[in-house]
Amino acid sequence: MAIAIVGAGAVAQALGRLLLSRRQDVVALASRSRAHAEQAAAFIGPSVRPVACPDVPGVATHVLIAVADEAVTPVADALAAAGMRTGVALHTCGAKGPAALAPLARAGVECGVLHPLQTVTTPEQGTRSLPGVSFGICGDPMALAWAEELVAILSGRPLRVEADRMSFYHAGAVMAGNASIAVLDAAVALMAHAGIEPGTALAALGPLARTSVDNALGGGPVAALTGPIARGDAATVAAHMNAMREVPGSVKDLYQAASRHLMGMARQRGLSEAKLDAIEALVSRLESEVSAFEP
């Protein structure tokens, strides 16, 4: 099969290079900008041709669309308008199902999703980090089969997701990735109020964050839970709540939301309702105080 990639970003380049290195016939790459297409094609390999999007149906039977979420359907429109009537198309956006490729589906193309469950910031980092990860996949039978084949080629693990459940899947990915970054940023902000500068705070928090994640992944989040809420230590939680009066609202909101979720986990661990009620009262009091000052 001849494969074309549409997109010149980090995911497109990393996937293209990995597939070509594993003897997949990646023949072309298209992008809105000719210069970007040339640069991305060169990164993937010297045999990959930079082309315009309307040229893709003439050179490939299988298309991997790795563009921003809002560009997926316009790309599908462009490929359908260019005459793509058969073959397979996959897009890499986890927040959208195969319906984002509806113009191609109406034209007769088998459509699906291949979403890498990994953060990719540069083509080089993606090339190192994508092999072996899980991929969210769904779609038409031929699209699903190709997605599973690509996952196997990348030594990954396929996660079959129903098309109408992709938003739940992607929200989970965002919580594990982006939300964990938000939590770490909030932790650095709190350390700043203790007089610790950001670089020093990150270096100090790193071992704690890594070990906590490793413990959660190894034995499950509930079993890994430690800290004042897990112990039912209302006095420490009260001290935290007092400190929250001096921090930015977003940090305060994040701490409160995390506390409420941690309370549910602590309940699963067997923490008494009396201790949970005491902590609940503290969290609710801070929320009431914040609401009282909101316009």
C-alpha atoms as a PDB file:
ATOM      1  CA  MET A   1       0.000   0.000   0.000  1.00  0.00           C
ATOM      2  CA  ALA A   2       1.183   3.531  -0.744  1.00  0.00           C
ATOM      3  CA  ILE A   3       0.804   5.867   2.236  1.00  0.00           C
ATOM      4  CA  ALA A   4       0.510   9.650   2.182  1.00  0.00           C
ATOM      5  CA  ILE A   5       0.550  11.870   5.237  1.00  0.00           C
ATOM      6  CA  VAL A   6      -1.379  15.122   5.400  1.00  0.00           C
ATOM      7  CA  GLY A   7       0.099  17.471   7.976  1.00  0.00           C
ATOM      8  CA  ALA A   8       3.563  18.787   8.757  1.00  0.00           C
ATOM      9  CA  GLY A   9       3.466  18.997  12.543  1.00  0.00           C
ATOM     10  CA  ALA A  10       5.362  17.001  15.132  1.00  0.00           C
ATOM     11  CA  VAL A  11       2.944  14.034  15.146  1.00  0.00           C
ATOM     12  CA  ALA A  12       2.862  13.812  11.342  1.00  0.00           C
ATOM     13  CA  GLN A  13       6.647  13.890  11.079  1.00  0.00           C
ATOM     14  CA  ALA A  14       7.258  11.435  13.913  1.00  0.00           C
ATOM     15  CA  LEU A  15       4.718   8.901  12.655  1.00  0.00           C
ATOM     16  CA  GLY A  16       5.976   9.227   9.096  1.00  0.00           C
ATOM     17  CA  ARG A  17       9.585   8.669  10.062  1.00  0.00           C
ATOM     18  CA  LEU A  18       8.751   5.710  12.284  1.00  0.00           C
ATOM     19  CA  LEU A  19       6.592   4.037   9.645  1.00  0.00           C
ATOM     20  CA  LEU A  20       9.159   4.558   6.898  1.00  0.00           C
ATOM     21  CA  SER A  21      11.900   3.143   9.120  1.00  0.00           C
ATOM     22  CA  ARG A  22       9.714   0.064   9.577  1.00  0.00           C
ATOM     23  CA  ARG A  23       9.498  -0.490   5.834  1.00  0.00           C
ATOM     24  CA  GLN A  24       6.106   1.081   5.259  1.00  0.00           C
ATOM     25  CA  ASP A  25       5.682   2.693   1.847  1.00  0.00           C
ATOM     26  CA  VAL A  26       5.350   6.332   2.898  1.00  0.00           C
ATOM     27  CA  VAL A  27       5.480   8.071  -0.473  1.00  0.00           C
ATOM     28  CA  ALA A  28       4.255  11.635   0.048  1.00  0.00           C
ATOM     29  CA  LEU A  29       3.476  14.382   2.531  1.00  0.00           C
ATOM     30  CA  ALA A  30       1.084  17.278   1.999  1.00  0.00           C
ATOM     31  CA  SER A  31       0.676  20.501   3.937  1.00  0.00           C
ATOM     32  CA  ARG A  32      -0.937  23.896   3.414  1.00  0.00           C
ATOM     33  CA  SER A  33       2.545  25.384   3.065  1.00  0.00           C
ATOM     34  CA  ARG A  34       4.918  24.039   0.425  1.00  0.00           C
ATOM     35  CA  ALA A  35       7.893  25.010   2.579  1.00  0.00           C
ATOM     36  CA  HIS A  36       6.489  23.132   5.571  1.00  0.00           C
ATOM     37  CA  ALA A  37       5.752  20.113   3.394  1.00  0.00           C
ATOM     38  CA  GLU A  38       9.314  20.079   2.095  1.00  0.00           C
ATOM     39  CA  GLN A  39      10.791  20.359   5.573  1.00  0.00           C
ATOM     40  CA  ALA A  40       8.544  17.627   6.990  1.00  0.00           C
ATOM     41  CA  ALA A  41       9.112  15.278   4.056  1.00  0.00           C
ATOM     42  CA  ALA A  42      12.867  15.704   4.415  1.00  0.00           C
ATOM     43  CA  PHE A  43      12.645  14.790   8.103  1.00  0.00           C
ATOM     44  CA  ILE A  44      10.713  11.616   7.325  1.00  0.00           C
ATOM     45  CA  GLY A  45      13.106  10.475   4.599  1.00  0.00           C
ATOM     46  CA  PRO A  46      14.598  11.385   1.230  1.00  0.00           C
ATOM     47  CA  SER A  47      12.176   9.143  -0.673  1.00  0.00           C
ATOM     48  CA  VAL A  48       9.106  11.062   0.572  1.00  0.00           C
ATOM     49  CA  ARG A  49       7.748  13.623  -1.897  1.00  0.00           C
ATOM     50  CA  PRO A  50       6.276  16.934  -0.765  1.00  0.00           C
ATOM     51  CA  VAL A  51       2.966  17.360  -2.600  1.00  0.00           C
ATOM     52  CA  ALA A  52      -0.156  19.518  -2.556  1.00  0.00           C
ATOM     53  CA  CYS A  53      -3.257  18.088  -0.900  1.00  0.00           C
ATOM     54  CA  PRO A  54      -5.139  17.660  -4.230  1.00  0.00           C
ATOM     55  CA  ASP A  55      -2.268  15.444  -5.434  1.00  0.00           C
ATOM     56  CA  VAL A  56      -2.672  12.910  -2.612  1.00  0.00           C
ATOM     57  CA  PRO A  57      -5.391  10.699  -4.172  1.00  0.00           C
ATOM     58  CA  GLY A  58      -3.191  10.204  -7.218  1.00  0.00           C
ATOM     59  CA  VAL A  59      -0.181   8.905  -5.290  1.00  0.00           C
ATOM     60  CA  ALA A  60      -1.579   6.969  -2.295  1.00  0.00           C
ATOM     61  CA  THR A  61      -4.307   4.506  -1.378  1.00  0.00           C
ATOM     62  CA  HIS A  62      -3.945   5.029   2.365  1.00  0.00           C
ATOM     63  CA  VAL A  63      -3.896   8.464   3.991  1.00  0.00           C
ATOM     64  CA  LEU A  64      -2.894   9.431   7.506  1.00  0.00           C
ATOM     65  CA  ILE A  65      -4.288  12.865   8.421  1.00  0.00           C
ATOM     66  CA  ALA A  66      -2.279  14.385  11.275  1.00  0.00           C
ATOM     67  CA  VAL A  67      -3.488  17.975  11.514  1.00  0.00           C
ATOM     68  CA  ALA A  68      -5.099  20.218  14.126  1.00  0.00           C
ATOM     69  CA  ASP A  69      -8.588  19.147  15.225  1.00  0.00           C
ATOM     70  CA  GLU A  70     -10.351  21.955  13.392  1.00  0.00           C
ATOM     71  CA  ALA A  71      -8.552  21.112  10.141  1.00  0.00           C
ATOM     72  CA  VAL A  72      -9.569  17.441   9.915  1.00  0.00           C
ATOM     73  CA  THR A  73     -12.886  17.936   8.144  1.00  0.00           C
ATOM     74  CA  PRO A  74     -11.563  20.615   5.752  1.00  0.00           C
ATOM     75  CA  VAL A  75      -8.767  18.210   4.767  1.00  0.00           C
ATOM     76  CA  ALA A  76     -11.346  15.454   4.206  1.00  0.00           C
ATOM     77  CA  ASP A  77     -13.330  17.895   2.042  1.00  0.00           C
ATOM     78  CA  ALA A  78     -10.233  18.729   0.014  1.00  0.00           C
ATOM     79  CA  LEU A  79      -9.308  15.071  -0.533  1.00  0.00           C
ATOM     80  CA  ALA A  80     -12.851  14.189  -1.568  1.00  0.00           C
ATOM     81  CA  ALA A  81     -12.942  17.150  -3.947  1.00  0.00           C
ATOM     82  CA  ALA A  82      -9.623  15.965  -5.400  1.00  0.00           C
ATOM     83  CA  GLY A  83     -11.177  12.619  -6.303  1.00  0.00           C
ATOM     84  CA  MET A  84     -10.381  10.241  -3.442  1.00  0.00           C
ATOM     85  CA  ARG A  85     -13.083   7.594  -3.797  1.00  0.00           C
ATOM     86  CA  THR A  86     -11.490   4.414  -2.446  1.00  0.00           C
ATOM     87  CA  GLY A  87      -8.863   3.359   0.051  1.00  0.00           C
ATOM     88  CA  VAL A  88      -8.525   4.196   3.723  1.00  0.00           C
ATOM     89  CA  ALA A  89      -8.122   7.421   5.695  1.00  0.00           C
ATOM     90  CA  LEU A  90      -7.245   7.738   9.376  1.00  0.00           C
ATOM     91  CA  HIS A  91      -6.983  10.920  11.416  1.00  0.00           C
ATOM     92  CA  THR A  92      -4.967  11.300  14.615  1.00  0.00           C
ATOM     93  CA  CYS A  93      -7.256  13.573  16.671  1.00  0.00           C
ATOM     94  CA  GLY A  94      -8.465  11.896  19.839  1.00  0.00           C
ATOM     95  CA  ALA A  95     -11.340  14.307  20.434  1.00  0.00           C
ATOM     96  CA  LYS A  96     -13.096  13.429  17.158  1.00  0.00           C
ATOM     97  CA  GLY A  97     -14.453  10.172  15.833  1.00  0.00           C
ATOM     98  CA  PRO A  98     -14.551   8.942  12.226  1.00  0.00           C
ATOM     99  CA  ALA A  99     -17.458  11.320  11.536  1.00  0.00           C
ATOM    100  CA  ALA A 100     -14.888  14.104  11.176  1.00  0.00           C
ATOM    101  CA  LEU A 101     -13.976  12.434   7.873  1.00  0.00           C
ATOM    102  CA  ALA A 102     -17.581  12.379   6.647  1.00  0.00           C
ATOM    103  CA  PRO A 103     -16.813  13.944   3.227  1.00  0.00           C
ATOM    104  CA  LEU A 104     -14.474  11.045   2.480  1.00  0.00           C
ATOM    105  CA  ALA A 105     -16.880   8.456   3.878  1.00  0.00           C
ATOM    106  CA  ARG A 106     -19.615   9.761   1.585  1.00  0.00           C
ATOM    107  CA  ALA A 107     -17.213   9.405  -1.329  1.00  0.00           C
ATOM    108  CA  GLY A 108     -16.604   5.721  -0.563  1.00  0.00           C
ATOM    109  CA  VAL A 109     -13.429   5.842   1.561  1.00  0.00           C
ATOM    110  CA  GLU A 110     -13.111   3.685   4.694  1.00  0.00           C
ATOM    111  CA  CYS A 111     -12.512   6.086   7.584  1.00  0.00           C
ATOM    112  CA  GLY A 112     -11.220   5.820  11.117  1.00  0.00           C
ATOM    113  CA  VAL A 113      -9.107   7.180  13.966  1.00  0.00           C
ATOM    114  CA  LEU A 114      -5.545   6.438  15.075  1.00  0.00           C
ATOM    115  CA  HIS A 115      -4.806   8.559  18.153  1.00  0.00           C
ATOM    116  CA  PRO A 116      -1.436   8.158  19.890  1.00  0.00           C
ATOM    117  CA  LEU A 117      -1.894   8.246  23.657  1.00  0.00           C
ATOM    118  CA  GLN A 118       1.306  10.214  24.138  1.00  0.00           C
ATOM    119  CA  THR A 119       2.362  13.822  24.281  1.00  0.00           C
ATOM    120  CA  VAL A 120       4.454  14.923  21.292  1.00  0.00           C
ATOM    121  CA  THR A 121       6.171  18.306  21.347  1.00  0.00           C
ATOM    122  CA  THR A 122       8.805  17.861  18.630  1.00  0.00           C
ATOM    123  CA  PRO A 123       9.310  15.378  15.784  1.00  0.00           C
ATOM    124  CA  GLU A 124      12.486  14.095  17.435  1.00  0.00           C
ATOM    125  CA  GLN A 125      10.811  13.526  20.792  1.00  0.00           C
ATOM    126  CA  GLY A 126       7.849  11.859  19.086  1.00  0.00           C
ATOM    127  CA  THR A 127      10.154   9.499  17.222  1.00  0.00           C
ATOM    128  CA  ARG A 128      11.612   8.405  20.564  1.00  0.00           C
ATOM    129  CA  SER A 129       8.368   8.331  22.547  1.00  0.00           C
ATOM    130  CA  LEU A 130       5.700   6.897  20.247  1.00  0.00           C
ATOM    131  CA  PRO A 131       6.931   3.292  19.864  1.00  0.00           C
ATOM    132  CA  GLY A 132       5.286   1.071  22.440  1.00  0.00           C
ATOM    133  CA  VAL A 133       2.478   3.440  23.507  1.00  0.00           C
ATOM    134  CA  SER A 134      -1.257   2.815  23.355  1.00  0.00           C
ATOM    135  CA  PHE A 135      -3.378   4.159  20.494  1.00  0.00           C
ATOM    136  CA  GLY A 136      -7.085   4.915  20.606  1.00  0.00           C
ATOM    137  CA  ILE A 137      -8.639   3.450  17.457  1.00  0.00           C
ATOM    138  CA  CYS A 138     -12.097   3.198  15.916  1.00  0.00           C
ATOM    139  CA  GLY A 139     -13.714   3.287  12.517  1.00  0.00           C
ATOM    140  CA  ASP A 140     -14.942   1.302   9.531  1.00  0.00           C
ATOM    141  CA  PRO A 141     -13.745  -2.304   9.212  1.00  0.00           C
ATOM    142  CA  MET A 142     -10.904  -1.662   6.748  1.00  0.00           C
ATOM    143  CA  ALA A 143      -9.865   1.489   8.619  1.00  0.00           C
ATOM    144  CA  LEU A 144      -9.846  -0.368  11.923  1.00  0.00           C
ATOM    145  CA  ALA A 145      -7.786  -3.156  10.395  1.00  0.00           C
ATOM    146  CA  TRP A 146      -5.205  -0.689   9.065  1.00  0.00           C
ATOM    147  CA  ALA A 147      -5.107   1.139  12.387  1.00  0.00           C
ATOM    148  CA  GLU A 148      -4.415  -2.132  14.210  1.00  0.00           C
ATOM    149  CA  GLU A 149      -1.716  -2.979  11.679  1.00  0.00           C
ATOM    150  CA  LEU A 150      -0.014   0.382  12.222  1.00  0.00           C
ATOM    151  CA  VAL A 151      -0.198  -0.014  16.007  1.00  0.00           C
ATOM    152  CA  ALA A 152       1.463  -3.435  15.721  1.00  0.00           C
ATOM    153  CA  ILE A 153       4.169  -1.991  13.461  1.00  0.00           C
ATOM    154  CA  LEU A 154       4.834   0.640  16.124  1.00  0.00           C
ATOM    155  CA  SER A 155       4.988  -2.054  18.848  1.00  0.00           C
ATOM    156  CA  GLY A 156       2.018  -0.360  20.494  1.00  0.00           C
ATOM    157  CA  ARG A 157      -1.205  -1.452  22.166  1.00  0.00           C
ATOM    158  CA  PRO A 158      -4.582  -0.849  20.484  1.00  0.00           C
ATOM    159  CA  LEU A 159      -7.453   0.579  22.525  1.00  0.00           C
ATOM    160  CA  ARG A 160     -10.704   0.002  20.678  1.00  0.00           C
ATOM    161  CA  VAL A 161     -13.111   2.827  21.471  1.00  0.00           C
ATOM    162  CA  GLU A 162     -16.673   3.201  20.232  1.00  0.00           C
ATOM    163  CA  ALA A 163     -17.003   6.264  18.019  1.00  0.00           C
ATOM    164  CA  ASP A 164     -19.554   7.924  20.330  1.00  0.00           C
ATOM    165  CA  ARG A 165     -17.268   7.391  23.355  1.00  0.00           C
ATOM    166  CA  MET A 166     -14.233   9.208  21.947  1.00  0.00           C
ATOM    167  CA  SER A 167     -14.906  12.335  24.023  1.00  0.00           C
ATOM    168  CA  PHE A 168     -14.675  10.303  27.245  1.00  0.00           C
ATOM    169  CA  TYR A 169     -11.494   8.640  26.033  1.00  0.00           C
ATOM    170  CA  HIS A 170      -9.916  11.946  25.078  1.00  0.00           C
ATOM    171  CA  ALA A 171     -10.995  13.665  28.299  1.00  0.00           C
ATOM    172  CA  GLY A 172      -9.249  10.868  30.188  1.00  0.00           C
ATOM    173  CA  ALA A 173      -6.114  11.442  28.134  1.00  0.00           C
ATOM    174  CA  VAL A 174      -6.251  15.170  28.874  1.00  0.00           C
ATOM    175  CA  MET A 175      -6.640  14.519  32.598  1.00  0.00           C
ATOM    176  CA  ALA A 176      -3.628  12.199  32.636  1.00  0.00           C
ATOM    177  CA  GLY A 177      -1.480  14.520  30.540  1.00  0.00           C
ATOM    178  CA  ASN A 178      -2.496  18.183  30.464  1.00  0.00           C
ATOM    179  CA  ALA A 179      -4.269  18.239  33.835  1.00  0.00           C
ATOM    180  CA  SER A 180      -1.255  16.723  35.566  1.00  0.00           C
ATOM    181  CA  ILE A 181       0.801  19.609  34.164  1.00  0.00           C
ATOM    182  CA  ALA A 182      -1.754  22.069  35.543  1.00  0.00           C
ATOM    183  CA  VAL A 183      -1.494  20.433  38.967  1.00  0.00           C
ATOM    184  CA  LEU A 184       2.306  20.649  38.874  1.00  0.00           C
ATOM    185  CA  ASP A 185       2.112  24.315  37.863  1.00  0.00           C
ATOM    186  CA  ALA A 186      -0.252  24.982  40.778  1.00  0.00           C
ATOM    187  CA  ALA A 187       2.185  23.220  43.108  1.00  0.00           C
ATOM    188  CA  VAL A 188       4.986  25.501  41.889  1.00  0.00           C
ATOM    189  CA  ALA A 189       2.747  28.532  42.493  1.00  0.00           C
ATOM    190  CA  LEU A 190       2.104  27.405  46.069  1.00  0.00           C
ATOM    191  CA  MET A 191       5.838  26.834  46.616  1.00  0.00           C
ATOM    192  CA  ALA A 192       6.423  30.410  45.426  1.00  0.00           C
ATOM    193  CA  HIS A 193       4.263  31.632  48.316  1.00  0.00           C
ATOM    194  CA  ALA A 194       6.645  29.703  50.584  1.00  0.00           C
ATOM    195  CA  GLY A 195       9.553  31.654  49.107  1.00  0.00           C
ATOM    196  CA  ILE A 196      10.860  28.920  46.787  1.00  0.00           C
ATOM    197  CA  GLU A 197      11.702  29.985  43.234  1.00  0.00           C
ATOM    198  CA  PRO A 198      10.214  27.994  40.335  1.00  0.00           C
ATOM    199  CA  GLY A 199      13.336  26.140  39.181  1.00  0.00           C
ATOM    200  CA  THR A 200      14.145  24.996  42.688  1.00  0.00           C
ATOM    201  CA  ALA A 201      10.505  24.039  43.272  1.00  0.00           C
ATOM    202  CA  LEU A 202      10.369  21.899  40.133  1.00  0.00           C
ATOM    203  CA  ALA A 203      13.596  20.115  41.058  1.00  0.00           C
ATOM    204  CA  ALA A 204      12.267  19.460  44.556  1.00  0.00           C
ATOM    205  CA  LEU A 205       8.809  18.329  43.434  1.00  0.00           C
ATOM    206  CA  GLY A 206      10.094  16.055  40.667  1.00  0.00           C
ATOM    207  CA  PRO A 207      10.928  12.978  42.791  1.00  0.00           C
ATOM    208  CA  LEU A 208       7.622  13.288  44.676  1.00  0.00           C
ATOM    209  CA  ALA A 209       5.593  13.595  41.476  1.00  0.00           C
ATOM    210  CA  ARG A 210       7.406  10.743  39.714  1.00  0.00           C
ATOM    211  CA  THR A 211       7.113   8.372  42.663  1.00  0.00           C
ATOM    212  CA  SER A 212       3.442   9.196  43.141  1.00  0.00           C
ATOM    213  CA  VAL A 213       2.712   8.477  39.469  1.00  0.00           C
ATOM    214  CA  ASP A 214       4.776   5.267  39.560  1.00  0.00           C
ATOM    215  CA  ASN A 215       2.911   4.085  42.661  1.00  0.00           C
ATOM    216  CA  ALA A 216      -0.465   4.886  41.099  1.00  0.00           C
ATOM    217  CA  LEU A 217       0.424   3.092  37.878  1.00  0.00           C
ATOM    218  CA  GLY A 218       1.845   0.124  39.731  1.00  0.00           C
ATOM    219  CA  GLY A 219      -0.852  -0.554  42.291  1.00  0.00           C
ATOM    220  CA  GLY A 220      -3.737   1.670  41.271  1.00  0.00           C
ATOM    221  CA  PRO A 221      -4.540   5.264  42.310  1.00  0.00           C
ATOM    222  CA  VAL A 222      -6.560   4.366  45.404  1.00  0.00           C
ATOM    223  CA  ALA A 223      -3.855   2.117  46.827  1.00  0.00           C
ATOM    224  CA  ALA A 224      -1.210   4.784  46.109  1.00  0.00           C
ATOM    225  CA  LEU A 225      -3.065   7.541  47.955  1.00  0.00           C
ATOM    226  CA  THR A 226      -1.210   9.188  50.841  1.00  0.00           C
ATOM    227  CA  GLY A 227      -1.414  12.592  52.514  1.00  0.00           C
ATOM    228  CA  PRO A 228      -3.696  14.446  54.922  1.00  0.00           C
ATOM    229  CA  ILE A 229      -7.013  13.593  53.270  1.00  0.00           C
ATOM    230  CA  ALA A 230      -6.132   9.894  53.106  1.00  0.00           C
ATOM    231  CA  ARG A 231      -5.341  10.067  56.850  1.00  0.00           C
ATOM    232  CA  GLY A 232      -8.387  12.152  57.706  1.00  0.00           C
ATOM    233  CA  ASP A 233      -6.108  14.879  59.072  1.00  0.00           C
ATOM    234  CA  ALA A 234      -8.570  17.766  59.283  1.00  0.00           C
ATOM    235  CA  ALA A 235      -6.103  20.054  61.072  1.00  0.00           C
ATOM    236  CA  THR A 236      -3.641  19.933  58.167  1.00  0.00           C
ATOM    237  CA  VAL A 237      -6.417  20.412  55.621  1.00  0.00           C
ATOM    238  CA  ALA A 238      -7.601  23.443  57.636  1.00  0.00           C
ATOM    239  CA  ALA A 239      -4.087  24.927  57.458  1.00  0.00           C
ATOM    240  CA  HIS A 240      -4.095  24.400  53.697  1.00  0.00           C
ATOM    241  CA  MET A 241      -7.476  26.061  53.380  1.00  0.00           C
ATOM    242  CA  ASN A 242      -6.262  29.078  55.303  1.00  0.00           C
ATOM    243  CA  ALA A 243      -3.255  29.315  52.980  1.00  0.00           C
ATOM    244  CA  MET A 244      -5.564  29.176  49.957  1.00  0.00           C
ATOM    245  CA  ARG A 245      -6.874  32.637  50.853  1.00  0.00           C
ATOM    246  CA  GLU A 246      -3.582  34.118  49.587  1.00  0.00           C
ATOM    247  CA  VAL A 247      -3.191  32.269  46.279  1.00  0.00           C
ATOM    248  CA  PRO A 248      -4.636  32.893  42.794  1.00  0.00           C
ATOM    249  CA  GLY A 249      -8.227  31.798  42.299  1.00  0.00           C
ATOM    250  CA  SER A 250      -7.381  29.108  39.760  1.00  0.00           C
ATOM    251  CA  VAL A 251      -4.944  27.458  42.194  1.00  0.00           C
ATOM    252  CA  LYS A 252      -7.553  27.613  44.945  1.00  0.00           C
ATOM    253  CA  ASP A 253     -10.219  26.099  42.663  1.00  0.00           C
ATOM    254  CA  LEU A 254      -7.886  23.315  41.586  1.00  0.00           C
ATOM    255  CA  TYR A 255      -6.981  22.474  45.185  1.00  0.00           C
ATOM    256  CA  GLN A 256     -10.659  22.353  46.162  1.00  0.00           C
ATOM    257  CA  ALA A 257     -11.636  20.167  43.188  1.00  0.00           C
ATOM    258  CA  ALA A 258      -8.734  17.798  43.832  1.00  0.00           C
ATOM    259  CA  SER A 259      -9.637  17.640  47.519  1.00  0.00           C
ATOM    260  CA  ARG A 260     -13.184  16.592  46.713  1.00  0.00           C
ATOM    261  CA  HIS A 261     -11.976  13.828  44.419  1.00  0.00           C
ATOM    262  CA  LEU A 262      -9.400  12.711  46.975  1.00  0.00           C
ATOM    263  CA  MET A 263     -12.193  12.469  49.552  1.00  0.00           C
ATOM    264  CA  GLY A 264     -13.983   9.959  47.336  1.00  0.00           C
ATOM    265  CA  MET A 265     -10.803   7.937  46.985  1.00  0.00           C
ATOM    266  CA  ALA A 266     -10.236   8.088  50.755  1.00  0.00           C
ATOM    267  CA  ARG A 267     -13.773   6.760  51.261  1.00  0.00           C
ATOM    268  CA  GLN A 268     -12.872   3.790  49.049  1.00  0.00           C
ATOM    269  CA  ARG A 269      -9.836   3.254  51.265  1.00  0.00           C
ATOM    270  CA  GLY A 270     -12.132   2.993  54.297  1.00  0.00           C
ATOM    271  CA  LEU A 271     -11.750   6.439  55.876  1.00  0.00           C
ATOM    272  CA  SER A 272     -14.543   6.993  58.393  1.00  0.00           C
ATOM    273  CA  GLU A 273     -17.504   9.159  57.485  1.00  0.00           C
ATOM    274  CA  ALA A 274     -16.881  11.306  60.572  1.00  0.00           C
ATOM    275  CA  LYS A 275     -13.414  12.257  59.339  1.00  0.00           C
ATOM    276  CA  LEU A 276     -14.705  12.794  55.828  1.00  0.00           C
ATOM    277  CA  ASP A 277     -17.468  15.044  57.149  1.00  0.00           C
ATOM    278  CA  ALA A 278     -14.902  17.184  58.985  1.00  0.00           C
ATOM    279  CA  ILE A 279     -12.870  17.650  55.814  1.00  0.00           C
ATOM    280  CA  GLU A 280     -16.012  18.271  53.761  1.00  0.00           C
ATOM    281  CA  ALA A 281     -16.958  21.080  56.120  1.00  0.00           C
ATOM    282  CA  LEU A 282     -13.573  22.736  55.617  1.00  0.00           C
ATOM    283  CA  VAL A 283     -13.747  22.523  51.827  1.00  0.00           C
ATOM    284  CA  SER A 284     -17.343  23.772  51.786  1.00  0.00           C
ATOM    285  CA  ARG A 285     -16.455  26.695  54.052  1.00  0.00           C
ATOM    286  CA  LEU A 286     -13.707  27.857  51.711  1.00  0.00           C
ATOM    287  CA  GLU A 287     -16.032  27.515  48.728  1.00  0.00           C
ATOM    288  CA  SER A 288     -18.647  29.623  50.523  1.00  0.00           C
ATOM    289  CA  GLU A 289     -16.076  32.284  51.334  1.00  0.00           C
ATOM    290  CA  VAL A 290     -14.958  32.431  47.712  1.00  0.00           C
ATOM    291  CA  SER A 291     -18.566  32.643  46.469  1.00  0.00           C
ATOM    292  CA  ALA A 292     -19.287  35.506  48.855  1.00  0.00           C
ATOM    293  CA  PHE A 293     -16.619  37.644  47.192  1.00  0.00           C
ATOM    294  CA  GLU A 294     -17.572  36.822  43.608  1.00  0.00           C
ATOM    295  CA  PRO A 295     -19.449  39.598  41.751  1.00  0.00           C
END
